[in-house]
PDB file of N, CA and C in Angstrom:
ATOM      1  N   MET A   1     122.213  48.191 148.231  1.00  0.00           N
ATOM      2  CA  MET A   1     122.688  47.075 147.431  1.00  0.00           C
ATOM      3  C   MET A   1     123.051  47.582 146.039  1.00  0.00           C
ATOM      4  N   LYS A   2     124.253  47.222 145.581  1.00  0.00           N
ATOM      5  CA  LYS A   2     124.713  47.649 144.259  1.00  0.00           C
ATOM      6  C   LYS A   2     124.022  46.823 143.171  1.00  0.00           C
ATOM      7  N   LYS A   3     123.755  47.475 142.067  1.00  0.00           N
ATOM      8  CA  LYS A   3     123.166  46.804 140.914  1.00  0.00           C
ATOM      9  C   LYS A   3     124.273  46.277 140.014  1.00  0.00           C
ATOM     10  N   ASN A   4     124.011  45.165 139.363  1.00  0.00           N
ATOM     11  CA  ASN A   4     124.932  44.604 138.381  1.00  0.00           C
ATOM     12  C   ASN A   4     124.643  45.220 137.022  1.00  0.00           C
ATOM     13  N   ILE A   5     125.695  45.684 136.363  1.00  0.00           N
ATOM     14  CA  ILE A   5     125.583  46.282 135.034  1.00  0.00           C
ATOM     15  C   ILE A   5     126.537  45.549 134.097  1.00  0.00           C
ATOM     16  N   ALA A   6     126.019  45.081 132.971  1.00  0.00           N
ATOM     17  CA  ALA A   6     126.865  44.485 131.936  1.00  0.00           C
ATOM     18  C   ALA A   6     127.026  45.516 130.820  1.00  0.00           C
ATOM     19  N   VAL A   7     128.254  45.795 130.459  1.00  0.00           N
ATOM     20  CA  VAL A   7     128.546  46.685 129.342  1.00  0.00           C
ATOM     21  C   VAL A   7     128.974  45.794 128.190  1.00  0.00           C
ATOM     22  N   ILE A   8     128.160  45.783 127.152  1.00  0.00           N
ATOM     23  CA  ILE A   8     128.383  44.897 126.009  1.00  0.00           C
ATOM     24  C   ILE A   8     129.209  45.622 124.958  1.00  0.00           C
ATOM     25  N   THR A   9     130.225  44.922 124.430  1.00  0.00           N
ATOM     26  CA  THR A   9     131.118  45.530 123.443  1.00  0.00           C
ATOM     27  C   THR A   9     131.633  44.455 122.492  1.00  0.00           C
ATOM     28  N   GLY A  10     132.381  44.877 121.501  1.00  0.00           N
ATOM     29  CA  GLY A  10     132.990  43.926 120.570  1.00  0.00           C
ATOM     30  C   GLY A  10     132.190  43.805 119.298  1.00  0.00           C
ATOM     31  N   GLY A  11     132.099  42.585 118.817  1.00  0.00           N
ATOM     32  CA  GLY A  11     131.379  42.319 117.579  1.00  0.00           C
ATOM     33  C   GLY A  11     132.330  41.947 116.457  1.00  0.00           C
ATOM     34  N   GLU A  12     131.775  41.857 115.276  1.00  0.00           N
ATOM     35  CA  GLU A  12     132.554  41.446 114.112  1.00  0.00           C
ATOM     36  C   GLU A  12     132.733  42.559 113.091  1.00  0.00           C
ATOM     37  N   ALA A  13     132.072  43.668 113.267  1.00  0.00           N
ATOM     38  CA  ALA A  13     132.127  44.757 112.294  1.00  0.00           C
ATOM     39  C   ALA A  13     133.482  45.451 112.334  1.00  0.00           C
ATOM     40  N   SER A  14     133.734  46.244 111.337  1.00  0.00           N
ATOM     41  CA  SER A  14     135.010  46.950 111.253  1.00  0.00           C
ATOM     42  C   SER A  14     135.165  47.989 112.367  1.00  0.00           C
ATOM     43  N   GLU A  15     134.062  48.343 113.013  1.00  0.00           N
ATOM     44  CA  GLU A  15     134.094  49.344 114.078  1.00  0.00           C
ATOM     45  C   GLU A  15     134.362  48.736 115.453  1.00  0.00           C
ATOM     46  N   VAL A  16     134.848  47.493 115.524  1.00  0.00           N
ATOM     47  CA  VAL A  16     135.049  46.820 116.811  1.00  0.00           C
ATOM     48  C   VAL A  16     135.990  47.617 117.712  1.00  0.00           C
ATOM     49  N   GLY A  17     136.999  48.229 117.165  1.00  0.00           N
ATOM     50  CA  GLY A  17     137.939  49.016 117.958  1.00  0.00           C
ATOM     51  C   GLY A  17     137.261  50.185 118.649  1.00  0.00           C
ATOM     52  N   ILE A  18     136.370  50.850 117.946  1.00  0.00           N
ATOM     53  CA  ILE A  18     135.624  51.968 118.522  1.00  0.00           C
ATOM     54  C   ILE A  18     134.689  51.454 119.612  1.00  0.00           C
ATOM     55  N   SER A  19     134.069  50.311 119.381  1.00  0.00           N
ATOM     56  CA  SER A  19     133.185  49.709 120.380  1.00  0.00           C
ATOM     57  C   SER A  19     133.943  49.414 121.674  1.00  0.00           C
ATOM     58  N   LEU A  20     135.138  48.852 121.556  1.00  0.00           N
ATOM     59  CA  LEU A  20     135.939  48.529 122.733  1.00  0.00           C
ATOM     60  C   LEU A  20     136.355  49.794 123.487  1.00  0.00           C
ATOM     61  N   LYS A  21     136.738  50.830 122.759  1.00  0.00           N
ATOM     62  CA  LYS A  21     137.129  52.095 123.398  1.00  0.00           C
ATOM     63  C   LYS A  21     135.934  52.758 124.083  1.00  0.00           C
ATOM     64  N   SER A  22     134.786  52.731 123.427  1.00  0.00           N
ATOM     65  CA  SER A  22     133.581  53.323 124.016  1.00  0.00           C
ATOM     66  C   SER A  22     133.187  52.599 125.301  1.00  0.00           C
ATOM     67  N   ALA A  23     133.261  51.279 125.283  1.00  0.00           N
ATOM     68  CA  ALA A  23     132.922  50.498 126.472  1.00  0.00           C
ATOM     69  C   ALA A  23     133.870  50.804 127.620  1.00  0.00           C
ATOM     70  N   ALA A  24     135.143  50.997 127.315  1.00  0.00           N
ATOM     71  CA  ALA A  24     136.117  51.329 128.353  1.00  0.00           C
ATOM     72  C   ALA A  24     135.760  52.655 129.022  1.00  0.00           C
ATOM     73  N   VAL A  25     135.315  53.630 128.240  1.00  0.00           N
ATOM     74  CA  VAL A  25     134.918  54.929 128.790  1.00  0.00           C
ATOM     75  C   VAL A  25     133.681  54.768 129.676  1.00  0.00           C
ATOM     76  N   VAL A  26     132.707  54.015 129.203  1.00  0.00           N
ATOM     77  CA  VAL A  26     131.484  53.789 129.991  1.00  0.00           C
ATOM     78  C   VAL A  26     131.835  53.104 131.309  1.00  0.00           C
ATOM     79  N   CYS A  27     132.625  52.040 131.247  1.00  0.00           N
ATOM     80  CA  CYS A  27     133.010  51.306 132.467  1.00  0.00           C
ATOM     81  C   CYS A  27     133.740  52.210 133.453  1.00  0.00           C
ATOM     82  N   ALA A  28     134.613  53.052 132.944  1.00  0.00           N
ATOM     83  CA  ALA A  28     135.403  53.927 133.807  1.00  0.00           C
ATOM     84  C   ALA A  28     134.555  55.005 134.467  1.00  0.00           C
ATOM     85  N   ASN A  29     133.404  55.316 133.880  1.00  0.00           N
ATOM     86  CA  ASN A  29     132.595  56.417 134.399  1.00  0.00           C
ATOM     87  C   ASN A  29     131.346  55.990 135.158  1.00  0.00           C
ATOM     88  N   LEU A  30     131.101  54.696 135.288  1.00  0.00           N
ATOM     89  CA  LEU A  30     129.994  54.236 136.124  1.00  0.00           C
ATOM     90  C   LEU A  30     130.453  54.243 137.578  1.00  0.00           C
ATOM     91  N   ASN A  31     129.625  54.734 138.448  1.00  0.00           N
ATOM     92  CA  ASN A  31     129.961  54.882 139.862  1.00  0.00           C
ATOM     93  C   ASN A  31     130.121  53.511 140.534  1.00  0.00           C
ATOM     94  N   PRO A  32     131.345  53.156 140.963  1.00  0.00           N
ATOM     95  CA  PRO A  32     131.571  51.845 141.573  1.00  0.00           C
ATOM     96  C   PRO A  32     130.904  51.677 142.941  1.00  0.00           C
ATOM     97  N   GLU A  33     130.444  52.785 143.521  1.00  0.00           N
ATOM     98  CA  GLU A  33     129.707  52.679 144.783  1.00  0.00           C
ATOM     99  C   GLU A  33     128.260  52.264 144.546  1.00  0.00           C
ATOM    100  N   LYS A  34     127.773  52.458 143.320  1.00  0.00           N
ATOM    101  CA  LYS A  34     126.392  52.109 142.978  1.00  0.00           C
ATOM    102  C   LYS A  34     126.281  50.849 142.123  1.00  0.00           C
ATOM    103  N   TYR A  35     127.344  50.532 141.353  1.00  0.00           N
ATOM    104  CA  TYR A  35     127.240  49.465 140.364  1.00  0.00           C
ATOM    105  C   TYR A  35     128.417  48.497 140.407  1.00  0.00           C
ATOM    106  N   ASN A  36     128.121  47.231 140.206  1.00  0.00           N
ATOM    107  CA  ASN A  36     129.120  46.219 139.887  1.00  0.00           C
ATOM    108  C   ASN A  36     129.135  46.160 138.363  1.00  0.00           C
ATOM    109  N   VAL A  37     130.230  46.551 137.757  1.00  0.00           N
ATOM    110  CA  VAL A  37     130.296  46.653 136.299  1.00  0.00           C
ATOM    111  C   VAL A  37     131.027  45.440 135.732  1.00  0.00           C
ATOM    112  N   TYR A  38     130.410  44.810 134.741  1.00  0.00           N
ATOM    113  CA  TYR A  38     130.973  43.637 134.082  1.00  0.00           C
ATOM    114  C   TYR A  38     131.065  43.923 132.592  1.00  0.00           C
ATOM    115  N   LYS A  39     132.286  43.981 132.084  1.00  0.00           N
ATOM    116  CA  LYS A  39     132.496  44.227 130.648  1.00  0.00           C
ATOM    117  C   LYS A  39     132.410  42.897 129.921  1.00  0.00           C
ATOM    118  N   VAL A  40     131.498  42.815 128.968  1.00  0.00           N
ATOM    119  CA  VAL A  40     131.268  41.592 128.199  1.00  0.00           C
ATOM    120  C   VAL A  40     131.660  41.847 126.753  1.00  0.00           C
ATOM    121  N   VAL A  41     132.626  41.074 126.279  1.00  0.00           N
ATOM    122  CA  VAL A  41     133.097  41.199 124.902  1.00  0.00           C
ATOM    123  C   VAL A  41     132.502  40.066 124.074  1.00  0.00           C
ATOM    124  N   ILE A  42     131.886  40.448 122.991  1.00  0.00           N
ATOM    125  CA  ILE A  42     131.300  39.487 122.064  1.00  0.00           C
ATOM    126  C   ILE A  42     132.235  39.356 120.876  1.00  0.00           C
ATOM    127  N   ASP A  43     132.610  38.096 120.568  1.00  0.00           N
ATOM    128  CA  ASP A  43     133.382  37.867 119.349  1.00  0.00           C
ATOM    129  C   ASP A  43     132.540  37.000 118.419  1.00  0.00           C
ATOM    130  N   SER A  44     133.129  36.432 117.417  1.00  0.00           N
ATOM    131  CA  SER A  44     132.356  35.717 116.404  1.00  0.00           C
ATOM    132  C   SER A  44     131.642  34.475 116.933  1.00  0.00           C
ATOM    133  N   THR A  45     132.114  33.903 118.032  1.00  0.00           N
ATOM    134  CA  THR A  45     131.498  32.667 118.514  1.00  0.00           C
ATOM    135  C   THR A  45     131.082  32.689 119.981  1.00  0.00           C
ATOM    136  N   GLU A  46     131.686  33.526 120.790  1.00  0.00           N
ATOM    137  CA  GLU A  46     131.448  33.470 122.237  1.00  0.00           C
ATOM    138  C   GLU A  46     131.249  34.851 122.838  1.00  0.00           C
ATOM    139  N   TRP A  47     130.728  34.849 124.063  1.00  0.00           N
ATOM    140  CA  TRP A  47     130.620  36.063 124.870  1.00  0.00           C
ATOM    141  C   TRP A  47     131.490  35.844 126.090  1.00  0.00           C
ATOM    142  N   TRP A  48     132.343  36.827 126.424  1.00  0.00           N
ATOM    143  CA  TRP A  48     133.298  36.694 127.518  1.00  0.00           C
ATOM    144  C   TRP A  48     133.199  37.856 128.492  1.00  0.00           C
ATOM    145  N   TYR A  49     133.285  37.554 129.787  1.00  0.00           N
ATOM    146  CA  TYR A  49     133.514  38.578 130.796  1.00  0.00           C
ATOM    147  C   TYR A  49     135.009  38.812 130.798  1.00  0.00           C
ATOM    148  N   THR A  50     135.420  40.075 130.693  1.00  0.00           N
ATOM    149  CA  THR A  50     136.841  40.393 130.612  1.00  0.00           C
ATOM    150  C   THR A  50     137.237  41.411 131.672  1.00  0.00           C
ATOM    151  N   VAL A  51     138.490  41.335 132.082  1.00  0.00           N
ATOM    152  CA  VAL A  51     139.080  42.314 133.001  1.00  0.00           C
ATOM    153  C   VAL A  51     140.427  42.704 132.412  1.00  0.00           C
ATOM    154  N   GLY A  52     140.584  43.981 132.144  1.00  0.00           N
ATOM    155  CA  GLY A  52     141.845  44.461 131.573  1.00  0.00           C
ATOM    156  C   GLY A  52     142.188  43.800 130.255  1.00  0.00           C
ATOM    157  N   GLY A  53     141.175  43.460 129.470  1.00  0.00           N
ATOM    158  CA  GLY A  53     141.393  42.825 128.184  1.00  0.00           C
ATOM    159  C   GLY A  53     141.615  41.325 128.252  1.00  0.00           C
ATOM    160  N   GLU A  54     141.692  40.781 129.462  1.00  0.00           N
ATOM    161  CA  GLU A  54     141.909  39.340 129.631  1.00  0.00           C
ATOM    162  C   GLU A  54     140.573  38.625 129.818  1.00  0.00           C
ATOM    163  N   ARG A  55     140.360  37.564 129.058  1.00  0.00           N
ATOM    164  CA  ARG A  55     139.146  36.766 129.189  1.00  0.00           C
ATOM    165  C   ARG A  55     139.152  36.033 130.519  1.00  0.00           C
ATOM    166  N   LYS A  56     138.080  36.193 131.282  1.00  0.00           N
ATOM    167  CA  LYS A  56     137.984  35.551 132.590  1.00  0.00           C
ATOM    168  C   LYS A  56     137.046  34.350 132.569  1.00  0.00           C
ATOM    169  N   THR A  57     135.853  34.532 132.030  1.00  0.00           N
ATOM    170  CA  THR A  57     134.886  33.439 131.983  1.00  0.00           C
ATOM    171  C   THR A  57     133.868  33.706 130.889  1.00  0.00           C
ATOM    172  N   GLN A  58     133.326  32.630 130.347  1.00  0.00           N
ATOM    173  CA  GLN A  58     132.318  32.769 129.313  1.00  0.00           C
ATOM    174  C   GLN A  58     130.976  33.137 129.931  1.00  0.00           C
ATOM    175  N   ILE A  59     130.171  33.824 129.159  1.00  0.00           N
ATOM    176  CA  ILE A  59     128.816  34.166 129.564  1.00  0.00           C
ATOM    177  C   ILE A  59     127.897  33.011 129.173  1.00  0.00           C
ATOM    178  N   ASP A  60     127.015  32.620 130.086  1.00  0.00           N
ATOM    179  CA  ASP A  60     126.008  31.611 129.788  1.00  0.00           C
ATOM    180  C   ASP A  60     124.877  32.324 129.049  1.00  0.00           C
ATOM    181  N   LYS A  61     124.748  32.053 127.751  1.00  0.00           N
ATOM    182  CA  LYS A  61     123.754  32.741 126.924  1.00  0.00           C
ATOM    183  C   LYS A  61     122.327  32.320 127.251  1.00  0.00           C
ATOM    184  N   ASN A  62     122.152  31.217 127.966  1.00  0.00           N
ATOM    185  CA  ASN A  62     120.802  30.771 128.322  1.00  0.00           C
ATOM    186  C   ASN A  62     120.114  31.733 129.286  1.00  0.00           C
ATOM    187  N   ASP A  63     120.884  32.314 130.207  1.00  0.00           N
ATOM    188  CA  ASP A  63     120.286  33.241 131.173  1.00  0.00           C
ATOM    189  C   ASP A  63     121.130  34.499 131.366  1.00  0.00           C
ATOM    190  N   PHE A  64     122.084  34.743 130.459  1.00  0.00           N
ATOM    191  CA  PHE A  64     122.974  35.897 130.490  1.00  0.00           C
ATOM    192  C   PHE A  64     123.626  36.040 131.855  1.00  0.00           C
ATOM    193  N   SER A  65     124.268  34.965 132.294  1.00  0.00           N
ATOM    194  CA  SER A  65     124.948  34.990 133.588  1.00  0.00           C
ATOM    195  C   SER A  65     126.418  34.617 133.409  1.00  0.00           C
ATOM    196  N   LEU A  66     127.182  34.875 134.467  1.00  0.00           N
ATOM    197  CA  LEU A  66     128.560  34.424 134.513  1.00  0.00           C
ATOM    198  C   LEU A  66     128.819  33.898 135.917  1.00  0.00           C
ATOM    199  N   THR A  67     129.819  33.058 136.045  1.00  0.00           N
ATOM    200  CA  THR A  67     130.153  32.502 137.340  1.00  0.00           C
ATOM    201  C   THR A  67     131.561  32.926 137.722  1.00  0.00           C
ATOM    202  N   LEU A  68     131.674  33.588 138.881  1.00  0.00           N
ATOM    203  CA  LEU A  68     132.956  34.040 139.418  1.00  0.00           C
ATOM    204  C   LEU A  68     133.127  33.474 140.818  1.00  0.00           C
ATOM    205  N   ASP A  69     134.222  32.796 141.047  1.00  0.00           N
ATOM    206  CA  ASP A  69     134.519  32.227 142.363  1.00  0.00           C
ATOM    207  C   ASP A  69     133.339  31.414 142.908  1.00  0.00           C
ATOM    208  N   GLY A  70     132.692  30.662 142.027  1.00  0.00           N
ATOM    209  CA  GLY A  70     131.587  29.799 142.431  1.00  0.00           C
ATOM    210  C   GLY A  70     130.257  30.507 142.609  1.00  0.00           C
ATOM    211  N   THR A  71     130.212  31.809 142.351  1.00  0.00           N
ATOM    212  CA  THR A  71     128.981  32.570 142.497  1.00  0.00           C
ATOM    213  C   THR A  71     128.432  32.931 141.127  1.00  0.00           C
ATOM    214  N   LYS A  72     127.155  32.600 140.902  1.00  0.00           N
ATOM    215  CA  LYS A  72     126.501  32.919 139.635  1.00  0.00           C
ATOM    216  C   LYS A  72     125.970  34.354 139.699  1.00  0.00           C
ATOM    217  N   ILE A  73     126.328  35.148 138.694  1.00  0.00           N
ATOM    218  CA  ILE A  73     125.943  36.555 138.642  1.00  0.00           C
ATOM    219  C   ILE A  73     125.073  36.757 137.416  1.00  0.00           C
ATOM    220  N   LYS A  74     123.917  37.389 137.637  1.00  0.00           N
ATOM    221  CA  LYS A  74     123.002  37.692 136.526  1.00  0.00           C
ATOM    222  C   LYS A  74     122.913  39.185 136.342  1.00  0.00           C
TER     223      LYS A  74
END
């Protein structure tokens, strides 16, 4: 069974660009046979699961989950 991994990136600091690039490298190098990788971008007000830079769904901060195709992922 693959483990779910959230890679957290973004933020409000001036280094946000470096954070996004670093997260992309981490995501690209995690073994997809072992892990389901979810890139989570934090901005000033929300947390988003993103794919290819596109916002897909907000993260539920109450339990750090997201819902994809009706399935809740923690």
